[in-house]
C-alpha atoms as a PDB file:
ATOM      1  CA  MET A   1      36.438  81.993  13.742  1.00  0.00           C
ATOM      2  CA  GLU A   2      36.141  83.863  10.462  1.00  0.00           C
ATOM      3  CA  VAL A   3      37.422  87.018  12.134  1.00  0.00           C
ATOM      4  CA  LYS A   4      40.446  85.093  13.411  1.00  0.00           C
ATOM      5  CA  ARG A   5      41.021  83.678   9.945  1.00  0.00           C
ATOM      6  CA  ARG A   6      40.987  87.150   8.368  1.00  0.00           C
ATOM      7  CA  THR A   7      43.300  88.493  11.074  1.00  0.00           C
ATOM      8  CA  ALA A   8      45.765  85.664  10.523  1.00  0.00           C
ATOM      9  CA  GLY A   9      45.682  86.157   6.755  1.00  0.00           C
ATOM     10  CA  ASN A  10      46.200  89.896   7.069  1.00  0.00           C
ATOM     11  CA  LEU A  11      49.187  89.506   9.375  1.00  0.00           C
ATOM     12  CA  VAL A  12      50.793  86.815   7.242  1.00  0.00           C
ATOM     13  CA  SER A  13      50.426  88.988   4.138  1.00  0.00           C
ATOM     14  CA  LYS A  14      52.497  91.671   5.893  1.00  0.00           C
ATOM     15  CA  LEU A  15      55.417  89.269   6.260  1.00  0.00           C
ATOM     16  CA  SER A  16      56.257  89.898   2.600  1.00  0.00           C
ATOM     17  CA  SER A  17      56.268  93.688   3.020  1.00  0.00           C
ATOM     18  CA  VAL A  18      59.330  95.651   1.884  1.00  0.00           C
ATOM     19  CA  SER A  19      59.142  97.536   5.173  1.00  0.00           C
ATOM     20  CA  GLU A  20      61.161  95.891   7.951  1.00  0.00           C
ATOM     21  CA  GLN A  21      59.055  97.653  10.581  1.00  0.00           C
ATOM     22  CA  THR A  22      55.859  96.281   9.068  1.00  0.00           C
ATOM     23  CA  ARG A  23      57.316  92.770   9.053  1.00  0.00           C
ATOM     24  CA  THR A  24      58.532  93.157  12.624  1.00  0.00           C
ATOM     25  CA  ASP A  25      55.167  94.373  13.873  1.00  0.00           C
ATOM     26  CA  ALA A  26      53.377  91.509  12.120  1.00  0.00           C
ATOM     27  CA  LEU A  27      55.792  88.958  13.579  1.00  0.00           C
ATOM     28  CA  CYS A  28      55.313  90.323  17.091  1.00  0.00           C
ATOM     29  CA  GLU A  29      51.553  90.067  16.701  1.00  0.00           C
ATOM     30  CA  LEU A  30      51.722  86.541  15.274  1.00  0.00           C
ATOM     31  CA  ARG A  31      53.904  85.458  18.161  1.00  0.00           C
ATOM     32  CA  LEU A  32      51.433  86.783  20.715  1.00  0.00           C
ATOM     33  CA  ILE A  33      48.396  85.331  18.966  1.00  0.00           C
ATOM     34  CA  SER A  34      50.018  81.922  18.523  1.00  0.00           C
ATOM     35  CA  LYS A  35      50.975  81.949  22.207  1.00  0.00           C
ATOM     36  CA  HIS A  36      47.658  82.981  23.716  1.00  0.00           C
ATOM     37  CA  ASP A  37      45.111  81.631  21.216  1.00  0.00           C
ATOM     38  CA  PRO A  38      45.626  77.946  20.341  1.00  0.00           C
ATOM     39  CA  ASP A  39      42.708  78.080  17.874  1.00  0.00           C
ATOM     40  CA  SER A  40      44.604  80.584  15.761  1.00  0.00           C
ATOM     41  CA  ARG A  41      47.668  78.381  15.259  1.00  0.00           C
ATOM     42  CA  PRO A  42      46.258  76.280  12.388  1.00  0.00           C
ATOM     43  CA  LEU A  43      44.796  79.438  10.846  1.00  0.00           C
ATOM     44  CA  ILE A  44      48.211  81.095  10.847  1.00  0.00           C
ATOM     45  CA  ALA A  45      49.788  77.999   9.321  1.00  0.00           C
ATOM     46  CA  ASP A  46      47.030  77.650   6.717  1.00  0.00           C
ATOM     47  CA  ALA A  47      47.529  81.290   5.733  1.00  0.00           C
ATOM     48  CA  GLY A  48      51.035  80.384   4.564  1.00  0.00           C
ATOM     49  CA  ALA A  49      53.115  81.723   7.435  1.00  0.00           C
ATOM     50  CA  VAL A  50      55.609  78.868   7.725  1.00  0.00           C
ATOM     51  CA  PRO A  51      57.677  79.602   4.563  1.00  0.00           C
ATOM     52  CA  TYR A  52      58.000  83.259   5.591  1.00  0.00           C
ATOM     53  CA  LEU A  53      58.893  82.359   9.176  1.00  0.00           C
ATOM     54  CA  SER A  54      61.471  79.842   7.985  1.00  0.00           C
ATOM     55  CA  GLU A  55      63.066  82.359   5.624  1.00  0.00           C
ATOM     56  CA  THR A  56      63.191  84.908   8.437  1.00  0.00           C
ATOM     57  CA  LEU A  57      65.506  82.629  10.420  1.00  0.00           C
ATOM     58  CA  TYR A  58      68.217  83.512   7.876  1.00  0.00           C
ATOM     59  CA  GLY A  59      67.890  87.224   8.668  1.00  0.00           C
ATOM     60  CA  SER A  60      70.380  89.396  10.523  1.00  0.00           C
ATOM     61  CA  SER A  61      68.037  90.991  13.052  1.00  0.00           C
ATOM     62  CA  PRO A  62      67.982  89.082  16.372  1.00  0.00           C
ATOM     63  CA  THR A  63      64.604  90.583  17.294  1.00  0.00           C
ATOM     64  CA  ILE A  64      62.976  89.443  14.062  1.00  0.00           C
ATOM     65  CA  GLN A  65      64.616  86.022  14.350  1.00  0.00           C
ATOM     66  CA  GLU A  66      63.406  85.634  17.940  1.00  0.00           C
ATOM     67  CA  ASN A  67      59.801  86.380  17.020  1.00  0.00           C
ATOM     68  CA  ALA A  68      59.899  84.047  14.015  1.00  0.00           C
ATOM     69  CA  ALA A  69      61.485  81.195  15.985  1.00  0.00           C
ATOM     70  CA  ALA A  70      59.039  81.610  18.861  1.00  0.00           C
ATOM     71  CA  THR A  71      56.078  81.594  16.471  1.00  0.00           C
ATOM     72  CA  LEU A  72      57.332  78.402  14.830  1.00  0.00           C
ATOM     73  CA  LEU A  73      57.633  76.800  18.256  1.00  0.00           C
ATOM     74  CA  ASN A  74      54.065  77.763  19.091  1.00  0.00           C
ATOM     75  CA  LEU A  75      52.822  76.425  15.746  1.00  0.00           C
ATOM     76  CA  SER A  76      54.678  73.147  16.344  1.00  0.00           C
ATOM     77  CA  ILE A  77      52.286  72.372  19.174  1.00  0.00           C
ATOM     78  CA  SER A  78      49.284  71.880  16.905  1.00  0.00           C
ATOM     79  CA  SER A  79      50.328  72.478  13.265  1.00  0.00           C
ATOM     80  CA  ARG A  80      53.233  70.076  12.911  1.00  0.00           C
ATOM     81  CA  ALA A  81      52.327  68.848   9.441  1.00  0.00           C
ATOM     82  CA  SER A  82      52.466  72.390   8.071  1.00  0.00           C
ATOM     83  CA  LEU A  83      55.981  72.821   9.411  1.00  0.00           C
ATOM     84  CA  MET A  84      57.339  69.487   8.215  1.00  0.00           C
ATOM     85  CA  SER A  85      55.777  69.789   4.771  1.00  0.00           C
ATOM     86  CA  THR A  86      57.391  73.185   4.149  1.00  0.00           C
ATOM     87  CA  ARG A  87      60.424  72.916   1.916  1.00  0.00           C
ATOM     88  CA  GLY A  88      63.541  74.217   3.598  1.00  0.00           C
ATOM     89  CA  PHE A  89      62.008  74.351   7.088  1.00  0.00           C
ATOM     90  CA  LEU A  90      64.528  71.971   8.686  1.00  0.00           C
ATOM     91  CA  ASP A  91      67.413  73.661   6.858  1.00  0.00           C
ATOM     92  CA  ALA A  92      66.282  76.993   8.300  1.00  0.00           C
ATOM     93  CA  LEU A  93      66.179  75.531  11.805  1.00  0.00           C
ATOM     94  CA  SER A  94      69.658  74.108  11.307  1.00  0.00           C
ATOM     95  CA  HIS A  95      70.986  77.466  10.131  1.00  0.00           C
ATOM     96  CA  ALA A  96      69.523  79.317  13.104  1.00  0.00           C
ATOM     97  CA  LEU A  97      70.772  76.711  15.580  1.00  0.00           C
ATOM     98  CA  SER A  98      74.355  77.063  14.387  1.00  0.00           C
ATOM     99  CA  ASN A  99      74.506  80.724  13.366  1.00  0.00           C
ATOM    100  CA  SER A 100      72.117  82.844  15.409  1.00  0.00           C
ATOM    101  CA  PRO A 101      73.793  85.072  18.006  1.00  0.00           C
ATOM    102  CA  SER A 102      70.623  84.977  20.095  1.00  0.00           C
ATOM    103  CA  PRO A 103      70.342  82.214  22.737  1.00  0.00           C
ATOM    104  CA  THR A 104      66.571  82.689  22.614  1.00  0.00           C
ATOM    105  CA  VAL A 105      66.496  81.748  18.937  1.00  0.00           C
ATOM    106  CA  VAL A 106      68.653  78.665  19.555  1.00  0.00           C
ATOM    107  CA  GLN A 107      66.411  77.602  22.422  1.00  0.00           C
ATOM    108  CA  SER A 108      63.210  78.047  20.416  1.00  0.00           C
ATOM    109  CA  CYS A 109      64.600  76.083  17.457  1.00  0.00           C
ATOM    110  CA  ALA A 110      65.768  73.208  19.675  1.00  0.00           C
ATOM    111  CA  ALA A 111      62.425  73.231  21.485  1.00  0.00           C
ATOM    112  CA  THR A 112      60.609  73.108  18.150  1.00  0.00           C
ATOM    113  CA  LEU A 113      62.576  69.999  17.180  1.00  0.00           C
ATOM    114  CA  HIS A 114      61.707  68.354  20.480  1.00  0.00           C
ATOM    115  CA  SER A 115      58.027  69.195  20.038  1.00  0.00           C
ATOM    116  CA  LEU A 116      58.017  67.560  16.602  1.00  0.00           C
ATOM    117  CA  LEU A 117      60.074  64.525  17.622  1.00  0.00           C
ATOM    118  CA  ILE A 118      58.076  63.674  20.728  1.00  0.00           C
ATOM    119  CA  ALA A 119      54.674  64.038  19.104  1.00  0.00           C
ATOM    120  CA  GLU A 120      55.231  62.213  15.805  1.00  0.00           C
ATOM    121  CA  ASP A 121      57.419  59.130  15.464  1.00  0.00           C
ATOM    122  CA  THR A 122      57.302  59.440  11.662  1.00  0.00           C
ATOM    123  CA  TYR A 123      59.380  62.622  11.928  1.00  0.00           C
ATOM    124  CA  ARG A 124      62.228  60.953  13.838  1.00  0.00           C
ATOM    125  CA  PRO A 125      63.993  59.314  10.861  1.00  0.00           C
ATOM    126  CA  ILE A 126      63.564  62.500   8.809  1.00  0.00           C
ATOM    127  CA  ILE A 127      65.104  64.788  11.418  1.00  0.00           C
ATOM    128  CA  GLY A 128      67.657  62.130  12.347  1.00  0.00           C
ATOM    129  CA  SER A 129      68.928  62.090   8.759  1.00  0.00           C
ATOM    130  CA  LYS A 130      69.896  65.763   9.063  1.00  0.00           C
ATOM    131  CA  ARG A 131      73.426  65.299  10.330  1.00  0.00           C
ATOM    132  CA  ASP A 132      74.014  69.049  10.465  1.00  0.00           C
ATOM    133  CA  ILE A 133      71.180  69.347  13.001  1.00  0.00           C
ATOM    134  CA  LEU A 134      72.524  66.497  15.121  1.00  0.00           C
ATOM    135  CA  TYR A 135      76.042  67.911  14.998  1.00  0.00           C
ATOM    136  CA  THR A 136      74.856  71.367  16.063  1.00  0.00           C
ATOM    137  CA  LEU A 137      72.805  69.986  18.960  1.00  0.00           C
ATOM    138  CA  LEU A 138      75.883  68.105  20.172  1.00  0.00           C
ATOM    139  CA  SER A 139      77.978  71.259  19.769  1.00  0.00           C
ATOM    140  CA  ILE A 140      75.586  73.092  22.072  1.00  0.00           C
ATOM    141  CA  ILE A 141      75.920  70.586  24.897  1.00  0.00           C
ATOM    142  CA  THR A 142      79.725  70.611  24.626  1.00  0.00           C
ATOM    143  CA  ASP A 143      79.956  74.423  24.694  1.00  0.00           C
ATOM    144  CA  ASN A 144      81.107  75.480  28.140  1.00  0.00           C
ATOM    145  CA  ASN A 145      79.620  78.932  27.560  1.00  0.00           C
ATOM    146  CA  ALA A 146      76.175  77.769  26.426  1.00  0.00           C
ATOM    147  CA  PRO A 147      73.303  78.942  28.673  1.00  0.00           C
ATOM    148  CA  PRO A 148      71.736  76.163  30.775  1.00  0.00           C
ATOM    149  CA  ARG A 149      68.410  76.607  28.969  1.00  0.00           C
ATOM    150  CA  SER A 150      70.103  76.053  25.595  1.00  0.00           C
ATOM    151  CA  ILE A 151      71.760  72.883  26.867  1.00  0.00           C
ATOM    152  CA  LYS A 152      68.508  71.519  28.270  1.00  0.00           C
ATOM    153  CA  ASP A 153      66.580  72.253  25.069  1.00  0.00           C
ATOM    154  CA  ALA A 154      69.335  70.637  22.979  1.00  0.00           C
ATOM    155  CA  LEU A 155      69.263  67.558  25.240  1.00  0.00           C
ATOM    156  CA  LYS A 156      65.497  67.250  24.866  1.00  0.00           C
ATOM    157  CA  ALA A 157      65.825  67.434  21.090  1.00  0.00           C
ATOM    158  CA  LEU A 158      68.578  64.793  21.146  1.00  0.00           C
ATOM    159  CA  PHE A 159      66.368  62.605  23.300  1.00  0.00           C
ATOM    160  CA  GLY A 160      63.620  62.803  20.702  1.00  0.00           C
ATOM    161  CA  VAL A 161      66.100  61.904  17.947  1.00  0.00           C
ATOM    162  CA  ALA A 162      67.379  58.908  19.932  1.00  0.00           C
ATOM    163  CA  LEU A 163      63.876  57.493  20.364  1.00  0.00           C
ATOM    164  CA  TYR A 164      64.231  56.171  16.810  1.00  0.00           C
ATOM    165  CA  PRO A 165      66.582  53.148  17.038  1.00  0.00           C
ATOM    166  CA  LEU A 166      68.324  53.718  13.703  1.00  0.00           C
ATOM    167  CA  ASN A 167      69.297  57.252  14.758  1.00  0.00           C
ATOM    168  CA  ARG A 168      71.341  55.989  17.693  1.00  0.00           C
ATOM    169  CA  ALA A 169      74.250  54.746  15.599  1.00  0.00           C
ATOM    170  CA  SER A 170      74.371  58.110  13.812  1.00  0.00           C
ATOM    171  CA  LEU A 171      74.593  59.896  17.150  1.00  0.00           C
ATOM    172  CA  VAL A 172      77.364  57.552  18.279  1.00  0.00           C
ATOM    173  CA  GLY A 173      79.249  58.249  15.056  1.00  0.00           C
ATOM    174  CA  LEU A 174      79.011  61.991  15.647  1.00  0.00           C
ATOM    175  CA  GLY A 175      80.502  61.693  19.126  1.00  0.00           C
ATOM    176  CA  ALA A 176      77.377  61.797  21.259  1.00  0.00           C
ATOM    177  CA  VAL A 177      78.655  59.362  23.901  1.00  0.00           C
ATOM    178  CA  PRO A 178      81.818  61.255  24.951  1.00  0.00           C
ATOM    179  CA  ALA A 179      79.904  64.529  24.709  1.00  0.00           C
ATOM    180  CA  LEU A 180      77.196  63.291  27.083  1.00  0.00           C
ATOM    181  CA  VAL A 181      79.629  61.595  29.473  1.00  0.00           C
ATOM    182  CA  SER A 182      81.717  64.772  29.642  1.00  0.00           C
ATOM    183  CA  LEU A 183      78.614  66.853  30.313  1.00  0.00           C
ATOM    184  CA  ILE A 184      77.522  64.526  33.122  1.00  0.00           C
ATOM    185  CA  VAL A 185      80.968  64.707  34.726  1.00  0.00           C
ATOM    186  CA  ARG A 186      81.462  68.461  34.510  1.00  0.00           C
ATOM    187  CA  ASP A 187      77.936  69.746  35.194  1.00  0.00           C
ATOM    188  CA  ALA A 188      76.632  69.597  38.739  1.00  0.00           C
ATOM    189  CA  ARG A 189      73.165  70.932  37.918  1.00  0.00           C
ATOM    190  CA  THR A 190      70.681  68.164  38.671  1.00  0.00           C
ATOM    191  CA  GLY A 191      68.272  68.991  35.850  1.00  0.00           C
ATOM    192  CA  ILE A 192      70.959  68.876  33.173  1.00  0.00           C
ATOM    193  CA  VAL A 193      72.477  65.648  34.493  1.00  0.00           C
ATOM    194  CA  GLU A 194      69.008  64.081  34.597  1.00  0.00           C
ATOM    195  CA  ASP A 195      68.388  64.980  30.966  1.00  0.00           C
ATOM    196  CA  ALA A 196      71.889  63.965  29.824  1.00  0.00           C
ATOM    197  CA  THR A 197      71.603  60.526  31.445  1.00  0.00           C
ATOM    198  CA  ALA A 198      68.180  60.049  29.845  1.00  0.00           C
ATOM    199  CA  VAL A 199      69.676  60.678  26.393  1.00  0.00           C
ATOM    200  CA  LEU A 200      72.625  58.405  27.148  1.00  0.00           C
ATOM    201  CA  ALA A 201      70.232  55.650  28.209  1.00  0.00           C
ATOM    202  CA  GLN A 202      68.551  55.812  24.799  1.00  0.00           C
ATOM    203  CA  ILE A 203      71.794  55.866  22.821  1.00  0.00           C
ATOM    204  CA  ALA A 204      73.090  52.871  24.807  1.00  0.00           C
ATOM    205  CA  GLY A 205      70.396  50.851  23.055  1.00  0.00           C
ATOM    206  CA  CYS A 206      72.510  50.151  19.971  1.00  0.00           C
ATOM    207  CA  GLU A 207      75.439  47.851  19.255  1.00  0.00           C
ATOM    208  CA  GLU A 208      77.704  50.739  18.283  1.00  0.00           C
ATOM    209  CA  SER A 209      77.478  52.274  21.750  1.00  0.00           C
ATOM    210  CA  GLU A 210      79.652  49.636  23.453  1.00  0.00           C
ATOM    211  CA  GLU A 211      83.033  50.764  22.115  1.00  0.00           C
ATOM    212  CA  ALA A 212      82.146  54.438  22.483  1.00  0.00           C
ATOM    213  CA  MET A 213      81.059  53.921  26.091  1.00  0.00           C
ATOM    214  CA  ARG A 214      84.249  52.023  26.885  1.00  0.00           C
ATOM    215  CA  LYS A 215      86.508  54.688  25.379  1.00  0.00           C
ATOM    216  CA  ALA A 216      84.623  57.501  27.150  1.00  0.00           C
ATOM    217  CA  GLY A 217      84.567  55.714  30.516  1.00  0.00           C
ATOM    218  CA  GLY A 218      80.786  55.810  30.403  1.00  0.00           C
ATOM    219  CA  VAL A 219      80.157  52.644  32.417  1.00  0.00           C
ATOM    220  CA  ARG A 220      82.322  53.909  35.266  1.00  0.00           C
ATOM    221  CA  VAL A 221      80.524  57.261  35.272  1.00  0.00           C
ATOM    222  CA  LEU A 222      77.123  55.539  35.306  1.00  0.00           C
ATOM    223  CA  GLY A 223      78.297  53.323  38.131  1.00  0.00           C
ATOM    224  CA  ASP A 224      79.422  56.357  40.113  1.00  0.00           C
ATOM    225  CA  LEU A 225      75.924  57.797  39.783  1.00  0.00           C
ATOM    226  CA  LEU A 226      74.517  54.624  41.344  1.00  0.00           C
ATOM    227  CA  ASP A 227      76.845  54.949  44.333  1.00  0.00           C
ATOM    228  CA  GLU A 228      74.579  56.142  47.121  1.00  0.00           C
ATOM    229  CA  GLY A 229      77.388  58.341  48.413  1.00  0.00           C
ATOM    230  CA  THR A 230      77.165  60.657  45.383  1.00  0.00           C
ATOM    231  CA  GLY A 231      73.712  61.885  46.341  1.00  0.00           C
ATOM    232  CA  ALA A 232      72.349  61.597  42.796  1.00  0.00           C
ATOM    233  CA  SER A 233      68.605  62.099  42.409  1.00  0.00           C
ATOM    234  CA  GLU A 234      66.298  59.127  41.956  1.00  0.00           C
ATOM    235  CA  ARG A 235      65.709  60.031  38.340  1.00  0.00           C
ATOM    236  CA  ILE A 236      69.443  60.213  37.620  1.00  0.00           C
ATOM    237  CA  ARG A 237      69.984  56.804  39.218  1.00  0.00           C
ATOM    238  CA  GLU A 238      67.073  55.295  37.291  1.00  0.00           C
ATOM    239  CA  ASN A 239      68.471  56.715  34.050  1.00  0.00           C
ATOM    240  CA  ALA A 240      71.873  55.212  34.907  1.00  0.00           C
ATOM    241  CA  VAL A 241      70.230  51.815  35.436  1.00  0.00           C
ATOM    242  CA  ALA A 242      68.396  52.125  32.125  1.00  0.00           C
ATOM    243  CA  ALA A 243      71.643  52.992  30.318  1.00  0.00           C
ATOM    244  CA  LEU A 244      73.532  50.052  31.828  1.00  0.00           C
ATOM    245  CA  LEU A 245      70.634  47.720  31.084  1.00  0.00           C
ATOM    246  CA  ASN A 246      70.441  48.785  27.435  1.00  0.00           C
ATOM    247  CA  LEU A 247      74.222  48.499  27.097  1.00  0.00           C
ATOM    248  CA  ALA A 248      74.164  44.964  28.512  1.00  0.00           C
ATOM    249  CA  ARG A 249      71.417  44.004  26.063  1.00  0.00           C
ATOM    250  CA  CYS A 250      72.946  45.579  22.961  1.00  0.00           C
ATOM    251  CA  GLY A 251      76.665  45.947  23.565  1.00  0.00           C
ATOM    252  CA  GLY A 252      77.772  42.376  23.007  1.00  0.00           C
ATOM    253  CA  GLU A 253      79.841  40.275  25.368  1.00  0.00           C
ATOM    254  CA  LYS A 254      82.324  43.037  26.142  1.00  0.00           C
ATOM    255  CA  GLY A 255      79.598  45.445  27.108  1.00  0.00           C
ATOM    256  CA  ARG A 256      77.775  42.823  29.110  1.00  0.00           C
ATOM    257  CA  LYS A 257      80.957  41.865  30.999  1.00  0.00           C
ATOM    258  CA  GLU A 258      81.772  45.492  31.826  1.00  0.00           C
ATOM    259  CA  VAL A 259      78.231  46.143  33.045  1.00  0.00           C
ATOM    260  CA  LYS A 260      78.334  43.041  35.266  1.00  0.00           C
ATOM    261  CA  GLU A 261      81.655  44.053  36.779  1.00  0.00           C
ATOM    262  CA  MET A 262      80.534  47.609  37.468  1.00  0.00           C
ATOM    263  CA  GLY A 263      77.130  46.477  38.710  1.00  0.00           C
ATOM    264  CA  ALA A 264      78.769  44.237  41.291  1.00  0.00           C
ATOM    265  CA  LYS A 265      80.458  47.319  42.758  1.00  0.00           C
ATOM    266  CA  VAL A 266      77.179  49.226  43.145  1.00  0.00           C
ATOM    267  CA  MET A 267      74.854  46.415  44.148  1.00  0.00           C
ATOM    268  CA  GLU A 268      73.489  48.446  47.051  1.00  0.00           C
ATOM    269  CA  GLY A 269      72.433  51.278  44.763  1.00  0.00           C
ATOM    270  CA  ILE A 270      70.738  48.955  42.279  1.00  0.00           C
ATOM    271  CA  THR A 271      69.046  46.991  45.051  1.00  0.00           C
ATOM    272  CA  ASP A 272      67.753  50.203  46.630  1.00  0.00           C
ATOM    273  CA  LEU A 273      66.032  51.143  43.368  1.00  0.00           C
ATOM    274  CA  THR A 274      64.320  47.734  43.190  1.00  0.00           C
ATOM    275  CA  LYS A 275      62.651  48.669  46.468  1.00  0.00           C
ATOM    276  CA  ASN A 276      62.307  52.445  46.420  1.00  0.00           C
ATOM    277  CA  GLY A 277      62.344  53.514  42.777  1.00  0.00           C
ATOM    278  CA  SER A 278      59.424  54.423  40.539  1.00  0.00           C
ATOM    279  CA  THR A 279      57.358  51.599  39.062  1.00  0.00           C
ATOM    280  CA  LYS A 280      59.383  51.635  35.837  1.00  0.00           C
ATOM    281  CA  GLY A 281      62.611  52.167  37.752  1.00  0.00           C
ATOM    282  CA  LYS A 282      61.982  49.149  39.982  1.00  0.00           C
ATOM    283  CA  THR A 283      61.430  46.924  36.955  1.00  0.00           C
ATOM    284  CA  LYS A 284      64.609  48.041  35.199  1.00  0.00           C
ATOM    285  CA  ALA A 285      66.678  47.778  38.373  1.00  0.00           C
ATOM    286  CA  ALA A 286      65.417  44.225  38.944  1.00  0.00           C
ATOM    287  CA  GLU A 287      66.339  43.270  35.370  1.00  0.00           C
ATOM    288  CA  LEU A 288      69.809  44.781  35.738  1.00  0.00           C
ATOM    289  CA  LEU A 289      70.252  42.966  39.043  1.00  0.00           C
ATOM    290  CA  LYS A 290      69.549  39.635  37.316  1.00  0.00           C
ATOM    291  CA  ILE A 291      72.237  40.385  34.743  1.00  0.00           C
ATOM    292  CA  VAL A 292      74.740  41.358  37.420  1.00  0.00           C
ATOM    293  CA  VAL A 293      74.026  38.316  39.592  1.00  0.00           C
ATOM    294  CA  ASP A 294      73.600  35.489  37.113  1.00  0.00           C
ATOM    295  CA  GLY A 295      73.834  36.932  33.619  1.00  0.00           C
ATOM    296  CA  TYR A 296      70.128  36.571  32.921  1.00  0.00           C
ATOM    297  CA  GLY A 297      68.444  39.249  30.872  1.00  0.00           C
ATOM    298  CA  ASN A 298      66.181  39.761  27.893  1.00  0.00           C
ATOM    299  CA  GLN A 299      68.590  40.994  25.236  1.00  0.00           C
ATOM    300  CA  SER A 300      65.960  41.341  22.561  1.00  0.00           C
ATOM    301  CA  GLU A 301      64.041  44.173  24.131  1.00  0.00           C
ATOM    302  CA  VAL A 302      65.292  47.728  24.548  1.00  0.00           C
ATOM    303  CA  ARG A 303      62.706  50.026  26.070  1.00  0.00           C
ATOM    304  CA  ASP A 304      62.421  53.785  25.913  1.00  0.00           C
ATOM    305  CA  PHE A 305      63.149  55.705  29.092  1.00  0.00           C
ATOM    306  CA  ARG A 306      61.234  58.901  28.597  1.00  0.00           C
ATOM    307  CA  PHE A 307      61.543  62.316  30.177  1.00  0.00           C
ATOM    308  CA  ASN A 308      59.010  62.700  32.956  1.00  0.00           C
ATOM    309  CA  THR A 309      58.209  66.218  31.777  1.00  0.00           C
ATOM    310  CA  SER A 310      57.959  65.742  28.016  1.00  0.00           C
ATOM    311  CA  SER A 311      54.201  66.302  27.925  1.00  0.00           C
ATOM    312  CA  ASP A 312      54.540  69.537  29.891  1.00  0.00           C
ATOM    313  CA  PHE A 313      57.291  70.709  27.587  1.00  0.00           C
ATOM    314  CA  MET A 314      55.229  70.029  24.471  1.00  0.00           C
ATOM    315  CA  ASN A 315      52.545  72.380  25.724  1.00  0.00           C
ATOM    316  CA  HIS A 316      54.994  75.201  26.291  1.00  0.00           C
ATOM    317  CA  SER A 317      54.510  78.278  24.112  1.00  0.00           C
ATOM    318  CA  ILE A 318      56.461  81.515  24.193  1.00  0.00           C
END
């Protein structure tokens, strides 16, 4: 372990070199070590790498940025406190998300946010208060030219933000609902629609979502996904149920009325999930069915509907 500690310290010391080649070589090595040797991640962080890596995200070299962003992602798996306690770290992520010409950098930064948000609930209000980060993540999912990987990583980060209830109104205010509804309508890729509906289900769990959903035609779109003729995956349909259920609980009488009316049109789809969905999906479908049929429902409880693959994603290093 002492050898690893000395190696980490030596490489981190080179990050302040006046030679760009020396810095680049050190970054490449740190990226590889942090990817393949989990034990070295806290040693790299303890050696003071995070401030240098954060500062590097402001650089002009895509290669250097890519290595720095990837190393930060790897460190976020097991050295989260070191990242979040570094002054300017979130500002550096925000800058790279909105300014880097490299899709790889954008993807690594969004993935880092997701890693932090999923693992530590105390980070959710902190990251959620950074409106520039939220705005940039939403900009990514509304960019028709954004790579699919960038969209998926941005959606996962938004999902983590929306897990904190007080962040949901902020997302609504920044236009998250029409952005997500538009993405669901225009994108036929199952994985992206699954992730987008999962985020929408979380955001629906706030009072402010009702008007935004109505203006964006969100209830109709969610209802269409529950129509068995659309061929939507089980996960998409379960996310749609979760979104409608949260909207009925939190959206007031208007939201509740709209959900009931739409639910009546897709009764077969909801009923099918009560029989053939996942354990959690069956429960939510049964609760939505009660609201549609007789208006019964527990309005005081809004549950998280988590990505099935979040734990796998957190263990991803590059």
